[in-house]
């Protein structure tokens, strides 16, 4: 059902069984998949593709111009959203800032109230982004990450898979996969509970723990620890951890370790 006060652009493609609430505005270059529910006062503008079975809360704005002082409104860029996402009230998702670029959100993510996804961000699958989280431009977030309320992520940084970022924190360095991160650019330990819930075996968790200790607790600097890691054989989980750290060292570097009560044991 499309409410009679909703404004739908003539070129918009609306799938089957889509609900659109009062006073929502859907632009002419928007595609919405089947079985989506869009609340009241939602604005979806520019080139936006939304997959099946998404729920978009009241007042959300998707496809707005990026907050980039060098951006030209004539630039054609996109937002691409997968399937079965929940995007709650007043969330904002900006489109890419360069020609033919896109802000991308995968499947089964949960963006809570007032979440902001900046231009050219790439969000994986099953990510939870709590209230008032701010993602600057070009932030990449791995699958199953949990970003606590009010947390700020600097532009161009990467957030690894299955991390927990404590609410009210701020990050400008890359956060390796599988860790607990908090405060201002600190890692406190491994997300042991998250790894178990995600189905990692005891052997995999032990390997991730060894990888973590080599990078953070061996007394070696990060580049020395990476070199040391090449002396051993690692499974996919270990290679993912070291590969992320190696890539980070070419750019922003990784959050350092800080011992504290938040540290988890596997």
C-alpha atoms as a PDB file:
ATOM      1  CA  UNK A   1       0.000   0.000   0.000  1.00  0.00           C
ATOM      2  CA  UNK A   2       1.303   3.447  -0.955  1.00  0.00           C
ATOM      3  CA  UNK A   3      -0.183   6.280   1.079  1.00  0.00           C
ATOM      4  CA  UNK A   4      -1.993   8.896  -0.954  1.00  0.00           C
ATOM      5  CA  UNK A   5       0.261  11.676   0.341  1.00  0.00           C
ATOM      6  CA  UNK A   6       3.495   9.950  -0.705  1.00  0.00           C
ATOM      7  CA  UNK A   7       5.274  11.519  -3.693  1.00  0.00           C
ATOM      8  CA  UNK A   8       6.673   8.946  -6.133  1.00  0.00           C
ATOM      9  CA  UNK A   9       8.858  10.037  -9.060  1.00  0.00           C
ATOM     10  CA  UNK A  10       7.646   8.957 -12.469  1.00  0.00           C
ATOM     11  CA  UNK A  11      10.748   6.869 -13.143  1.00  0.00           C
ATOM     12  CA  UNK A  12      10.811   5.060  -9.788  1.00  0.00           C
ATOM     13  CA  UNK A  13      10.562   1.269  -9.863  1.00  0.00           C
ATOM     14  CA  UNK A  14       8.524  -0.078  -6.965  1.00  0.00           C
ATOM     15  CA  UNK A  15       8.317  -3.838  -6.383  1.00  0.00           C
ATOM     16  CA  UNK A  16       5.376  -5.953  -5.312  1.00  0.00           C
ATOM     17  CA  UNK A  17       3.816  -5.676  -1.854  1.00  0.00           C
ATOM     18  CA  UNK A  18       5.728  -2.504  -0.943  1.00  0.00           C
ATOM     19  CA  UNK A  19       4.330  -0.215   1.751  1.00  0.00           C
ATOM     20  CA  UNK A  20       5.177   3.502   1.660  1.00  0.00           C
ATOM     21  CA  UNK A  21       3.988   5.744   4.486  1.00  0.00           C
ATOM     22  CA  UNK A  22       2.549   9.271   4.549  1.00  0.00           C
ATOM     23  CA  UNK A  23       4.526  12.191   3.116  1.00  0.00           C
ATOM     24  CA  UNK A  24       7.454  10.071   1.977  1.00  0.00           C
ATOM     25  CA  UNK A  25       9.308  11.175  -1.158  1.00  0.00           C
ATOM     26  CA  UNK A  26      10.720   8.608  -3.593  1.00  0.00           C
ATOM     27  CA  UNK A  27      12.840   9.995  -6.438  1.00  0.00           C
ATOM     28  CA  UNK A  28      12.595   8.990 -10.053  1.00  0.00           C
ATOM     29  CA  UNK A  29      15.930   7.117 -10.139  1.00  0.00           C
ATOM     30  CA  UNK A  30      15.046   4.870  -7.187  1.00  0.00           C
ATOM     31  CA  UNK A  31      14.448   1.107  -7.346  1.00  0.00           C
ATOM     32  CA  UNK A  32      12.741  -0.605  -4.391  1.00  0.00           C
ATOM     33  CA  UNK A  33      12.491  -4.402  -4.223  1.00  0.00           C
ATOM     34  CA  UNK A  34       9.510  -6.510  -3.216  1.00  0.00           C
ATOM     35  CA  UNK A  35       8.100  -6.610   0.322  1.00  0.00           C
ATOM     36  CA  UNK A  36       9.795  -3.460   1.610  1.00  0.00           C
ATOM     37  CA  UNK A  37       8.171  -1.325   4.309  1.00  0.00           C
ATOM     38  CA  UNK A  38       8.951   2.391   4.203  1.00  0.00           C
ATOM     39  CA  UNK A  39       7.685   4.608   7.012  1.00  0.00           C
ATOM     40  CA  UNK A  40       6.369   8.151   7.036  1.00  0.00           C
ATOM     41  CA  UNK A  41       8.416  11.195   5.997  1.00  0.00           C
ATOM     42  CA  UNK A  42      11.169   9.111   4.424  1.00  0.00           C
ATOM     43  CA  UNK A  43      13.200  10.688   1.610  1.00  0.00           C
ATOM     44  CA  UNK A  44      14.931   8.432  -0.921  1.00  0.00           C
ATOM     45  CA  UNK A  45      16.593  10.502  -3.628  1.00  0.00           C
ATOM     46  CA  UNK A  46      19.235  10.235  -6.318  1.00  0.00           C
ATOM     47  CA  UNK A  47      20.233   6.864  -7.762  1.00  0.00           C
ATOM     48  CA  UNK A  48      19.311   4.352  -5.068  1.00  0.00           C
ATOM     49  CA  UNK A  49      18.811   0.596  -5.382  1.00  0.00           C
ATOM     50  CA  UNK A  50      17.096  -1.173  -2.472  1.00  0.00           C
ATOM     51  CA  UNK A  51      16.675  -4.960  -2.417  1.00  0.00           C
ATOM     52  CA  UNK A  52      13.859  -7.104  -1.036  1.00  0.00           C
ATOM     53  CA  UNK A  53      12.312  -7.109   2.429  1.00  0.00           C
ATOM     54  CA  UNK A  54      13.943  -4.000   3.869  1.00  0.00           C
ATOM     55  CA  UNK A  55      12.310  -1.917   6.612  1.00  0.00           C
ATOM     56  CA  UNK A  56      13.023   1.807   6.622  1.00  0.00           C
ATOM     57  CA  UNK A  57      11.884   3.859   9.610  1.00  0.00           C
ATOM     58  CA  UNK A  58      10.174   7.230   9.750  1.00  0.00           C
ATOM     59  CA  UNK A  59      12.243  10.207   8.689  1.00  0.00           C
ATOM     60  CA  UNK A  60      15.186   8.289   7.249  1.00  0.00           C
ATOM     61  CA  UNK A  61      17.035   9.957   4.373  1.00  0.00           C
ATOM     62  CA  UNK A  62      18.778   7.779   1.797  1.00  0.00           C
ATOM     63  CA  UNK A  63      20.747   8.987  -1.206  1.00  0.00           C
ATOM     64  CA  UNK A  64      21.365  12.541  -0.046  1.00  0.00           C
ATOM     65  CA  UNK A  65      24.376  14.487  -1.257  1.00  0.00           C
ATOM     66  CA  UNK A  66      27.662  13.672   0.490  1.00  0.00           C
ATOM     67  CA  UNK A  67      29.100  16.089   3.024  1.00  0.00           C
ATOM     68  CA  UNK A  68      32.112  16.873   0.877  1.00  0.00           C
ATOM     69  CA  UNK A  69      32.918  20.522   0.156  1.00  0.00           C
ATOM     70  CA  UNK A  70      34.336  19.543  -3.233  1.00  0.00           C
ATOM     71  CA  UNK A  71      31.243  17.631  -4.333  1.00  0.00           C
ATOM     72  CA  UNK A  72      29.390  18.756  -7.441  1.00  0.00           C
ATOM     73  CA  UNK A  73      25.613  18.170  -7.384  1.00  0.00           C
ATOM     74  CA  UNK A  74      25.894  17.174 -11.052  1.00  0.00           C
ATOM     75  CA  UNK A  75      27.952  14.102 -10.100  1.00  0.00           C
ATOM     76  CA  UNK A  76      26.099  10.830 -10.698  1.00  0.00           C
ATOM     77  CA  UNK A  77      26.700   8.416  -7.848  1.00  0.00           C
ATOM     78  CA  UNK A  78      24.661   5.793  -6.006  1.00  0.00           C
ATOM     79  CA  UNK A  79      23.510   4.055  -2.869  1.00  0.00           C
ATOM     80  CA  UNK A  80      23.161   0.261  -3.064  1.00  0.00           C
ATOM     81  CA  UNK A  81      21.294  -1.581  -0.296  1.00  0.00           C
ATOM     82  CA  UNK A  82      20.867  -5.359  -0.148  1.00  0.00           C
ATOM     83  CA  UNK A  83      18.095  -7.426   1.406  1.00  0.00           C
ATOM     84  CA  UNK A  84      16.436  -7.770   4.817  1.00  0.00           C
ATOM     85  CA  UNK A  85      18.004  -4.702   6.390  1.00  0.00           C
ATOM     86  CA  UNK A  86      16.396  -2.670   9.160  1.00  0.00           C
ATOM     87  CA  UNK A  87      17.104   1.055   8.915  1.00  0.00           C
ATOM     88  CA  UNK A  88      15.512   2.879  11.803  1.00  0.00           C
ATOM     89  CA  UNK A  89      14.157   6.386  12.280  1.00  0.00           C
ATOM     90  CA  UNK A  90      16.143   9.449  11.176  1.00  0.00           C
ATOM     91  CA  UNK A  91      19.078   7.440   9.842  1.00  0.00           C
ATOM     92  CA  UNK A  92      21.005   9.018   6.974  1.00  0.00           C
ATOM     93  CA  UNK A  93      22.870   7.257   4.167  1.00  0.00           C
ATOM     94  CA  UNK A  94      24.718   9.505   1.709  1.00  0.00           C
ATOM     95  CA  UNK A  95      25.569   8.602  -1.864  1.00  0.00           C
ATOM     96  CA  UNK A  96      29.086   8.382  -3.300  1.00  0.00           C
ATOM     97  CA  UNK A  97      31.166  11.494  -3.751  1.00  0.00           C
ATOM     98  CA  UNK A  98      32.846  10.679  -7.080  1.00  0.00           C
ATOM     99  CA  UNK A  99      31.342   9.812 -10.447  1.00  0.00           C
ATOM    100  CA  UNK A 100      29.939   6.265 -10.700  1.00  0.00           C
ATOM    101  CA  UNK A 101      30.883   5.478  -7.090  1.00  0.00           C
ATOM    102  CA  UNK A 102      28.526   4.006  -4.504  1.00  0.00           C
ATOM    103  CA  UNK A 103      27.805   3.737  -0.822  1.00  0.00           C
ATOM    104  CA  UNK A 104      27.053   0.049  -0.229  1.00  0.00           C
ATOM    105  CA  UNK A 105      25.124  -1.763   2.487  1.00  0.00           C
ATOM    106  CA  UNK A 106      24.896  -5.555   2.391  1.00  0.00           C
ATOM    107  CA  UNK A 107      22.238  -7.878   3.815  1.00  0.00           C
ATOM    108  CA  UNK A 108      20.585  -8.304   7.228  1.00  0.00           C
ATOM    109  CA  UNK A 109      22.109  -5.233   8.842  1.00  0.00           C
ATOM    110  CA  UNK A 110      20.464  -3.271  11.652  1.00  0.00           C
ATOM    111  CA  UNK A 111      20.966   0.495  11.655  1.00  0.00           C
ATOM    112  CA  UNK A 112      19.437   1.968  14.794  1.00  0.00           C
ATOM    113  CA  UNK A 113      17.969   5.450  15.270  1.00  0.00           C
ATOM    114  CA  UNK A 114      20.053   8.380  13.964  1.00  0.00           C
ATOM    115  CA  UNK A 115      22.821   6.252  12.490  1.00  0.00           C
ATOM    116  CA  UNK A 116      24.848   8.093   9.843  1.00  0.00           C
ATOM    117  CA  UNK A 117      26.572   6.281   6.970  1.00  0.00           C
ATOM    118  CA  UNK A 118      28.822   8.677   5.081  1.00  0.00           C
ATOM    119  CA  UNK A 119      29.598   8.668   1.385  1.00  0.00           C
ATOM    120  CA  UNK A 120      31.313   5.644  -0.153  1.00  0.00           C
ATOM    121  CA  UNK A 121      31.077   3.533   3.007  1.00  0.00           C
ATOM    122  CA  UNK A 122      30.910  -0.220   2.504  1.00  0.00           C
ATOM    123  CA  UNK A 123      28.959  -2.130   5.166  1.00  0.00           C
ATOM    124  CA  UNK A 124      29.073  -5.936   5.113  1.00  0.00           C
ATOM    125  CA  UNK A 125      26.365  -8.319   6.304  1.00  0.00           C
ATOM    126  CA  UNK A 126      24.720  -8.749   9.714  1.00  0.00           C
ATOM    127  CA  UNK A 127      26.317  -5.599  11.097  1.00  0.00           C
ATOM    128  CA  UNK A 128      24.667  -3.829  14.038  1.00  0.00           C
ATOM    129  CA  UNK A 129      25.090  -0.054  14.067  1.00  0.00           C
ATOM    130  CA  UNK A 130      23.622   1.361  17.262  1.00  0.00           C
ATOM    131  CA  UNK A 131      22.010   4.751  17.876  1.00  0.00           C
ATOM    132  CA  UNK A 132      23.935   7.878  16.860  1.00  0.00           C
ATOM    133  CA  UNK A 133      26.899   6.069  15.338  1.00  0.00           C
ATOM    134  CA  UNK A 134      28.772   8.239  12.824  1.00  0.00           C
ATOM    135  CA  UNK A 135      30.675   6.659   9.945  1.00  0.00           C
ATOM    136  CA  UNK A 136      32.815   9.119   8.002  1.00  0.00           C
ATOM    137  CA  UNK A 137      33.328   8.771   4.277  1.00  0.00           C
ATOM    138  CA  UNK A 138      34.946   5.636   2.834  1.00  0.00           C
ATOM    139  CA  UNK A 139      34.701   3.605   6.058  1.00  0.00           C
ATOM    140  CA  UNK A 140      34.583  -0.167   5.513  1.00  0.00           C
ATOM    141  CA  UNK A 141      32.844  -2.370   8.104  1.00  0.00           C
ATOM    142  CA  UNK A 142      33.248  -6.159   8.109  1.00  0.00           C
ATOM    143  CA  UNK A 143      30.499  -8.725   8.602  1.00  0.00           C
ATOM    144  CA  UNK A 144      28.880  -9.160  12.026  1.00  0.00           C
ATOM    145  CA  UNK A 145      30.572  -6.142  13.572  1.00  0.00           C
ATOM    146  CA  UNK A 146      28.797  -4.424  16.468  1.00  0.00           C
ATOM    147  CA  UNK A 147      29.246  -0.652  16.665  1.00  0.00           C
ATOM    148  CA  UNK A 148      28.130   0.717  20.025  1.00  0.00           C
ATOM    149  CA  UNK A 149      25.955   3.791  20.421  1.00  0.00           C
ATOM    150  CA  UNK A 150      27.450   7.205  19.788  1.00  0.00           C
ATOM    151  CA  UNK A 151      30.711   5.841  18.398  1.00  0.00           C
ATOM    152  CA  UNK A 152      32.590   7.895  15.792  1.00  0.00           C
ATOM    153  CA  UNK A 153      34.672   6.416  12.970  1.00  0.00           C
ATOM    154  CA  UNK A 154      37.094   8.614  11.024  1.00  0.00           C
ATOM    155  CA  UNK A 155      36.929   8.659   7.251  1.00  0.00           C
ATOM    156  CA  UNK A 156      38.918   6.094   5.251  1.00  0.00           C
ATOM    157  CA  UNK A 157      39.347   3.642   8.129  1.00  0.00           C
ATOM    158  CA  UNK A 158      38.514  -0.070   8.199  1.00  0.00           C
ATOM    159  CA  UNK A 159      36.574  -2.000  10.814  1.00  0.00           C
ATOM    160  CA  UNK A 160      37.247  -5.736  10.896  1.00  0.00           C
ATOM    161  CA  UNK A 161      34.823  -8.618  11.002  1.00  0.00           C
ATOM    162  CA  UNK A 162      33.176  -9.644  14.281  1.00  0.00           C
ATOM    163  CA  UNK A 163      34.506  -6.742  16.322  1.00  0.00           C
ATOM    164  CA  UNK A 164      32.758  -4.979  19.165  1.00  0.00           C
ATOM    165  CA  UNK A 165      33.267  -1.218  19.418  1.00  0.00           C
ATOM    166  CA  UNK A 166      32.283   0.147  22.823  1.00  0.00           C
ATOM    167  CA  UNK A 167      29.688   2.910  22.835  1.00  0.00           C
ATOM    168  CA  UNK A 168      30.913   6.479  23.061  1.00  0.00           C
ATOM    169  CA  UNK A 169      34.317   5.662  21.588  1.00  0.00           C
ATOM    170  CA  UNK A 170      36.200   7.329  18.741  1.00  0.00           C
ATOM    171  CA  UNK A 171      38.441   5.640  16.198  1.00  0.00           C
ATOM    172  CA  UNK A 172      40.839   6.877  13.542  1.00  0.00           C
ATOM    173  CA  UNK A 173      42.989   3.761  13.175  1.00  0.00           C
ATOM    174  CA  UNK A 174      41.944   0.435  11.693  1.00  0.00           C
ATOM    175  CA  UNK A 175      40.340  -2.092  14.054  1.00  0.00           C
ATOM    176  CA  UNK A 176      41.516  -5.666  13.331  1.00  0.00           C
ATOM    177  CA  UNK A 177      38.937  -8.450  13.085  1.00  0.00           C
ATOM    178  CA  UNK A 178      37.717 -10.385  16.138  1.00  0.00           C
ATOM    179  CA  UNK A 179      38.648  -7.798  18.790  1.00  0.00           C
ATOM    180  CA  UNK A 180      37.015  -5.583  21.394  1.00  0.00           C
ATOM    181  CA  UNK A 181      37.823  -1.909  20.793  1.00  0.00           C
ATOM    182  CA  UNK A 182      37.050   1.036  23.057  1.00  0.00           C
ATOM    183  CA  UNK A 183      37.861   4.564  24.170  1.00  0.00           C
ATOM    184  CA  UNK A 184      40.037   6.445  21.678  1.00  0.00           C
ATOM    185  CA  UNK A 185      41.794   4.035  19.319  1.00  0.00           C
ATOM    186  CA  UNK A 186      42.393   1.188  21.771  1.00  0.00           C
ATOM    187  CA  UNK A 187      41.983  -2.578  21.575  1.00  0.00           C
ATOM    188  CA  UNK A 188      41.297  -4.367  24.872  1.00  0.00           C
ATOM    189  CA  UNK A 189      41.216  -8.023  23.853  1.00  0.00           C
ATOM    190  CA  UNK A 190      39.383 -10.595  21.771  1.00  0.00           C
ATOM    191  CA  UNK A 191      35.641 -10.829  21.218  1.00  0.00           C
ATOM    192  CA  UNK A 192      35.585 -14.341  22.648  1.00  0.00           C
ATOM    193  CA  UNK A 193      31.818 -14.554  23.097  1.00  0.00           C
ATOM    194  CA  UNK A 194      31.224 -13.312  19.558  1.00  0.00           C
ATOM    195  CA  UNK A 195      33.622 -15.893  18.135  1.00  0.00           C
ATOM    196  CA  UNK A 196      31.852 -18.721  19.956  1.00  0.00           C
ATOM    197  CA  UNK A 197      28.427 -17.500  18.869  1.00  0.00           C
ATOM    198  CA  UNK A 198      29.654 -17.250  15.278  1.00  0.00           C
ATOM    199  CA  UNK A 199      30.555 -20.946  15.357  1.00  0.00           C
ATOM    200  CA  UNK A 200      34.347 -20.747  15.492  1.00  0.00           C
ATOM    201  CA  UNK A 201      35.829 -24.010  16.749  1.00  0.00           C
ATOM    202  CA  UNK A 202      38.068 -24.219  19.811  1.00  0.00           C
ATOM    203  CA  UNK A 203      41.030 -24.723  17.501  1.00  0.00           C
ATOM    204  CA  UNK A 204      40.158 -21.642  15.447  1.00  0.00           C
ATOM    205  CA  UNK A 205      39.704 -19.541  18.574  1.00  0.00           C
ATOM    206  CA  UNK A 206      43.040 -20.719  19.929  1.00  0.00           C
ATOM    207  CA  UNK A 207      44.727 -19.767  16.679  1.00  0.00           C
ATOM    208  CA  UNK A 208      43.167 -16.300  16.699  1.00  0.00           C
ATOM    209  CA  UNK A 209      44.365 -15.920  20.284  1.00  0.00           C
ATOM    210  CA  UNK A 210      47.914 -16.845  19.228  1.00  0.00           C
ATOM    211  CA  UNK A 211      47.746 -14.370  16.355  1.00  0.00           C
ATOM    212  CA  UNK A 212      46.483 -11.648  18.688  1.00  0.00           C
ATOM    213  CA  UNK A 213      49.275 -12.298  21.193  1.00  0.00           C
ATOM    214  CA  UNK A 214      51.903 -12.198  18.464  1.00  0.00           C
ATOM    215  CA  UNK A 215      50.739  -8.807  17.204  1.00  0.00           C
ATOM    216  CA  UNK A 216      49.955  -7.198  20.547  1.00  0.00           C
ATOM    217  CA  UNK A 217      51.728  -9.006  23.400  1.00  0.00           C
ATOM    218  CA  UNK A 218      54.974 -10.443  22.015  1.00  0.00           C
ATOM    219  CA  UNK A 219      57.125  -7.370  22.639  1.00  0.00           C
ATOM    220  CA  UNK A 220      57.765  -7.047  18.911  1.00  0.00           C
ATOM    221  CA  UNK A 221      56.677  -4.037  16.927  1.00  0.00           C
ATOM    222  CA  UNK A 222      53.900  -4.661  14.429  1.00  0.00           C
ATOM    223  CA  UNK A 223      56.145  -5.097  11.394  1.00  0.00           C
ATOM    224  CA  UNK A 224      58.433  -7.472  13.292  1.00  0.00           C
ATOM    225  CA  UNK A 225      55.403  -9.465  14.467  1.00  0.00           C
ATOM    226  CA  UNK A 226      54.105  -9.747  10.903  1.00  0.00           C
ATOM    227  CA  UNK A 227      57.513 -11.007   9.779  1.00  0.00           C
ATOM    228  CA  UNK A 228      57.521 -13.528  12.632  1.00  0.00           C
ATOM    229  CA  UNK A 229      54.048 -14.745  11.619  1.00  0.00           C
ATOM    230  CA  UNK A 230      55.436 -15.885   8.266  1.00  0.00           C
ATOM    231  CA  UNK A 231      57.455 -18.563  10.054  1.00  0.00           C
ATOM    232  CA  UNK A 232      54.268 -20.505  10.920  1.00  0.00           C
ATOM    233  CA  UNK A 233      51.363 -22.054   9.049  1.00  0.00           C
ATOM    234  CA  UNK A 234      47.971 -20.478   9.717  1.00  0.00           C
ATOM    235  CA  UNK A 235      44.419 -21.410   8.861  1.00  0.00           C
ATOM    236  CA  UNK A 236      42.006 -19.014   7.175  1.00  0.00           C
ATOM    237  CA  UNK A 237      41.171 -17.225  10.443  1.00  0.00           C
ATOM    238  CA  UNK A 238      44.813 -16.498  11.223  1.00  0.00           C
ATOM    239  CA  UNK A 239      45.533 -15.401   7.679  1.00  0.00           C
ATOM    240  CA  UNK A 240      42.542 -13.052   7.815  1.00  0.00           C
ATOM    241  CA  UNK A 241      43.853 -11.435  10.999  1.00  0.00           C
ATOM    242  CA  UNK A 242      47.420 -10.994   9.776  1.00  0.00           C
ATOM    243  CA  UNK A 243      46.305  -9.932   6.297  1.00  0.00           C
ATOM    244  CA  UNK A 244      44.153  -7.177   7.774  1.00  0.00           C
ATOM    245  CA  UNK A 245      47.001  -5.946   9.966  1.00  0.00           C
ATOM    246  CA  UNK A 246      49.450  -6.019   7.056  1.00  0.00           C
ATOM    247  CA  UNK A 247      47.128  -3.954   4.871  1.00  0.00           C
ATOM    248  CA  UNK A 248      46.552  -1.498   7.717  1.00  0.00           C
ATOM    249  CA  UNK A 249      50.270  -0.840   8.112  1.00  0.00           C
ATOM    250  CA  UNK A 250      50.363   0.564   4.576  1.00  0.00           C
ATOM    251  CA  UNK A 251      47.712   3.134   5.488  1.00  0.00           C
ATOM    252  CA  UNK A 252      46.420   4.213   8.922  1.00  0.00           C
ATOM    253  CA  UNK A 253      47.919   1.551  11.160  1.00  0.00           C
ATOM    254  CA  UNK A 254      45.980  -0.437  13.766  1.00  0.00           C
ATOM    255  CA  UNK A 255      44.569   0.490  17.155  1.00  0.00           C
ATOM    256  CA  UNK A 256      47.127  -0.315  19.883  1.00  0.00           C
ATOM    257  CA  UNK A 257      46.497  -2.599  22.836  1.00  0.00           C
ATOM    258  CA  UNK A 258      45.454  -1.310  26.241  1.00  0.00           C
ATOM    259  CA  UNK A 259      45.090  -3.741  29.103  1.00  0.00           C
ATOM    260  CA  UNK A 260      41.811  -3.344  31.003  1.00  0.00           C
ATOM    261  CA  UNK A 261      38.764  -4.987  32.507  1.00  0.00           C
ATOM    262  CA  UNK A 262      37.153  -5.322  29.080  1.00  0.00           C
ATOM    263  CA  UNK A 263      39.703  -7.902  27.908  1.00  0.00           C
ATOM    264  CA  UNK A 264      38.103 -11.243  27.069  1.00  0.00           C
ATOM    265  CA  UNK A 265      39.712 -14.644  27.140  1.00  0.00           C
ATOM    266  CA  UNK A 266      39.047 -17.471  24.702  1.00  0.00           C
END
